[in-house]
Amino acid sequence: MSDCFRSRFFASVLAVMLTAPVLAQEGAAIFKDADLKLGQGLIKEHRCAECHARKFGGDGSGVYRPLERVNTAGALRGMVEQCNTELNFGLFPEEVTAVAAVLNQQHYKFK
């Protein structure tokens, strides 16, 4: 593992660790005002399904299992933030929330 990759990986993990506990307290309420249409557009624009298919095989839906990895709305948003950071998408916080809200609506269904 290269030093550059290792540094980016640990920075991503740290970002998730710092944001997930705060967001987990809020539950799915963090998605209340999310722009679902924006989230869907960003998922398509950044070709998330293609990346997940390369990493997890098949259609990429294996990324959503096991649910133990992502078991709260805050953890879901944190994982989207990790992708944003790791892949250098440059998404704004409201865009990360929009993407996570779409994933919640389609796959996780946190309340």
C-alpha atoms as a PDB file:
ATOM      1  CA  MET A   1       0.000   0.000   0.000  1.00  0.00           C
ATOM      2  CA  SER A   2       1.551   3.312  -1.073  1.00  0.00           C
ATOM      3  CA  ASP A   3       2.035   6.096   1.440  1.00  0.00           C
ATOM      4  CA  CYS A   4      -0.223   8.408  -0.578  1.00  0.00           C
ATOM      5  CA  PHE A   5      -3.039   5.850  -0.692  1.00  0.00           C
ATOM      6  CA  ARG A   6      -2.570   5.029   2.998  1.00  0.00           C
ATOM      7  CA  SER A   7      -2.793   8.720   3.939  1.00  0.00           C
ATOM      8  CA  ARG A   8      -5.950   9.255   1.859  1.00  0.00           C
ATOM      9  CA  PHE A   9      -7.499   6.087   3.237  1.00  0.00           C
ATOM     10  CA  PHE A  10      -6.898   7.079   6.864  1.00  0.00           C
ATOM     11  CA  ALA A  11      -8.153  10.618   6.177  1.00  0.00           C
ATOM     12  CA  SER A  12     -11.371   9.092   4.783  1.00  0.00           C
ATOM     13  CA  VAL A  13     -11.789   6.813   7.779  1.00  0.00           C
ATOM     14  CA  LEU A  14     -11.210   9.729  10.135  1.00  0.00           C
ATOM     15  CA  ALA A  15     -13.836  11.810   8.330  1.00  0.00           C
ATOM     16  CA  VAL A  16     -16.391   9.021   8.744  1.00  0.00           C
ATOM     17  CA  MET A  17     -15.490   8.514  12.390  1.00  0.00           C
ATOM     18  CA  LEU A  18     -15.862  12.205  13.175  1.00  0.00           C
ATOM     19  CA  THR A  19     -19.178  12.746  11.397  1.00  0.00           C
ATOM     20  CA  ALA A  20     -21.018   9.456  11.928  1.00  0.00           C
ATOM     21  CA  PRO A  21     -21.608   9.727  15.712  1.00  0.00           C
ATOM     22  CA  VAL A  22     -23.184  13.168  15.429  1.00  0.00           C
ATOM     23  CA  LEU A  23     -25.307  12.214  12.453  1.00  0.00           C
ATOM     24  CA  ALA A  24     -26.341   8.890  13.982  1.00  0.00           C
ATOM     25  CA  GLN A  25     -28.074  10.767  16.793  1.00  0.00           C
ATOM     26  CA  GLU A  26     -30.298  12.511  14.272  1.00  0.00           C
ATOM     27  CA  GLY A  27     -31.538   9.334  12.568  1.00  0.00           C
ATOM     28  CA  ALA A  28     -33.064   9.577   9.115  1.00  0.00           C
ATOM     29  CA  ALA A  29     -34.215  13.106   9.980  1.00  0.00           C
ATOM     30  CA  ILE A  30     -30.930  14.218   8.411  1.00  0.00           C
ATOM     31  CA  PHE A  31     -32.508  13.365   5.044  1.00  0.00           C
ATOM     32  CA  LYS A  32     -35.709  15.362   5.690  1.00  0.00           C
ATOM     33  CA  ASP A  33     -34.956  18.264   3.355  1.00  0.00           C
ATOM     34  CA  ALA A  34     -32.639  16.405   0.983  1.00  0.00           C
ATOM     35  CA  ASP A  35     -33.002  17.040  -2.738  1.00  0.00           C
ATOM     36  CA  LEU A  36     -33.641  13.526  -4.072  1.00  0.00           C
ATOM     37  CA  LYS A  37     -33.545  14.623  -7.699  1.00  0.00           C
ATOM     38  CA  LEU A  38     -30.097  16.163  -7.114  1.00  0.00           C
ATOM     39  CA  GLY A  39     -28.942  12.965  -5.393  1.00  0.00           C
ATOM     40  CA  GLN A  40     -30.130  10.796  -8.269  1.00  0.00           C
ATOM     41  CA  GLY A  41     -28.347  13.039 -10.758  1.00  0.00           C
ATOM     42  CA  LEU A  42     -25.105  12.923  -8.788  1.00  0.00           C
ATOM     43  CA  ILE A  43     -25.254   9.129  -8.524  1.00  0.00           C
ATOM     44  CA  LYS A  44     -25.629   8.947 -12.293  1.00  0.00           C
ATOM     45  CA  GLU A  45     -23.012  11.649 -12.994  1.00  0.00           C
ATOM     46  CA  HIS A  46     -20.350  10.019 -10.819  1.00  0.00           C
ATOM     47  CA  ARG A  47     -21.236   6.536 -12.083  1.00  0.00           C
ATOM     48  CA  CYS A  48     -21.494   5.096  -8.591  1.00  0.00           C
ATOM     49  CA  ALA A  49     -23.132   1.846  -9.740  1.00  0.00           C
ATOM     50  CA  GLU A  50     -20.266   1.159 -12.158  1.00  0.00           C
ATOM     51  CA  CYS A  51     -17.655   1.648  -9.439  1.00  0.00           C
ATOM     52  CA  HIS A  52     -19.582  -0.574  -7.026  1.00  0.00           C
ATOM     53  CA  ALA A  53     -19.932  -3.258  -9.722  1.00  0.00           C
ATOM     54  CA  ARG A  54     -16.144  -3.237 -10.263  1.00  0.00           C
ATOM     55  CA  LYS A  55     -15.479  -3.506  -6.524  1.00  0.00           C
ATOM     56  CA  PHE A  56     -18.278  -5.895  -5.495  1.00  0.00           C
ATOM     57  CA  GLY A  57     -19.141  -7.743  -8.707  1.00  0.00           C
ATOM     58  CA  GLY A  58     -22.471  -8.256 -10.406  1.00  0.00           C
ATOM     59  CA  ASP A  59     -24.599  -5.133 -10.509  1.00  0.00           C
ATOM     60  CA  GLY A  60     -22.761  -3.625  -7.535  1.00  0.00           C
ATOM     61  CA  SER A  61     -25.633  -4.072  -5.105  1.00  0.00           C
ATOM     62  CA  GLY A  62     -23.343  -6.173  -2.903  1.00  0.00           C
ATOM     63  CA  VAL A  63     -22.078  -2.875  -1.494  1.00  0.00           C
ATOM     64  CA  TYR A  64     -25.353  -2.659   0.444  1.00  0.00           C
ATOM     65  CA  ARG A  65     -24.649  -5.907   2.284  1.00  0.00           C
ATOM     66  CA  PRO A  66     -23.976  -6.710   4.987  1.00  0.00           C
ATOM     67  CA  LEU A  67     -26.188  -4.105   6.557  1.00  0.00           C
ATOM     68  CA  GLU A  68     -24.109  -4.324   9.725  1.00  0.00           C
ATOM     69  CA  ARG A  69     -21.493  -2.113   8.017  1.00  0.00           C
ATOM     70  CA  VAL A  70     -23.991   0.691   7.612  1.00  0.00           C
ATOM     71  CA  ASN A  71     -26.625   0.409  10.307  1.00  0.00           C
ATOM     72  CA  THR A  72     -27.696   4.019  10.888  1.00  0.00           C
ATOM     73  CA  ALA A  73     -28.595   6.987   8.731  1.00  0.00           C
ATOM     74  CA  GLY A  74     -25.499   8.785   9.980  1.00  0.00           C
ATOM     75  CA  ALA A  75     -23.248   5.887   9.048  1.00  0.00           C
ATOM     76  CA  LEU A  76     -24.796   5.853   5.572  1.00  0.00           C
ATOM     77  CA  ARG A  77     -24.086   9.545   5.106  1.00  0.00           C
ATOM     78  CA  GLY A  78     -20.578   8.937   6.440  1.00  0.00           C
ATOM     79  CA  MET A  79     -19.935   6.223   3.856  1.00  0.00           C
ATOM     80  CA  VAL A  80     -21.072   8.547   1.057  1.00  0.00           C
ATOM     81  CA  GLU A  81     -18.726  11.190   2.466  1.00  0.00           C
ATOM     82  CA  GLN A  82     -15.944   8.594   2.438  1.00  0.00           C
ATOM     83  CA  CYS A  83     -16.510   7.952  -1.275  1.00  0.00           C
ATOM     84  CA  ASN A  84     -16.604  11.705  -1.868  1.00  0.00           C
ATOM     85  CA  THR A  85     -13.271  12.149  -0.091  1.00  0.00           C
ATOM     86  CA  GLU A  86     -11.560   9.033  -1.431  1.00  0.00           C
ATOM     87  CA  LEU A  87     -12.551   9.693  -5.032  1.00  0.00           C
ATOM     88  CA  ASN A  88     -12.076  13.469  -4.779  1.00  0.00           C
ATOM     89  CA  PHE A  89     -15.548  14.316  -6.109  1.00  0.00           C
ATOM     90  CA  GLY A  90     -15.652  17.674  -4.325  1.00  0.00           C
ATOM     91  CA  LEU A  91     -19.296  17.337  -3.323  1.00  0.00           C
ATOM     92  CA  PHE A  92     -20.757  19.914  -0.963  1.00  0.00           C
ATOM     93  CA  PRO A  93     -22.323  18.659   2.307  1.00  0.00           C
ATOM     94  CA  GLU A  94     -25.869  19.076   0.964  1.00  0.00           C
ATOM     95  CA  GLU A  95     -24.920  17.022  -2.105  1.00  0.00           C
ATOM     96  CA  VAL A  96     -23.508  14.224   0.059  1.00  0.00           C
ATOM     97  CA  THR A  97     -26.750  14.278   2.043  1.00  0.00           C
ATOM     98  CA  ALA A  98     -28.796  14.168  -1.178  1.00  0.00           C
ATOM     99  CA  VAL A  99     -26.931  11.083  -2.422  1.00  0.00           C
ATOM    100  CA  ALA A 100     -27.270   9.376   0.968  1.00  0.00           C
ATOM    101  CA  ALA A 101     -30.989  10.194   1.045  1.00  0.00           C
ATOM    102  CA  VAL A 102     -31.509   8.468  -2.314  1.00  0.00           C
ATOM    103  CA  LEU A 103     -29.609   5.398  -1.100  1.00  0.00           C
ATOM    104  CA  ASN A 104     -31.672   5.406   2.079  1.00  0.00           C
ATOM    105  CA  GLN A 105     -34.903   5.613   0.108  1.00  0.00           C
ATOM    106  CA  GLN A 106     -33.908   2.863  -2.337  1.00  0.00           C
ATOM    107  CA  HIS A 107     -31.936   0.431  -0.161  1.00  0.00           C
ATOM    108  CA  TYR A 108     -31.647   1.106   3.562  1.00  0.00           C
ATOM    109  CA  LYS A 109     -34.974   2.616   4.648  1.00  0.00           C
ATOM    110  CA  PHE A 110     -33.739   4.032   7.978  1.00  0.00           C
ATOM    111  CA  LYS A 111     -36.469   5.840   9.894  1.00  0.00           C
END
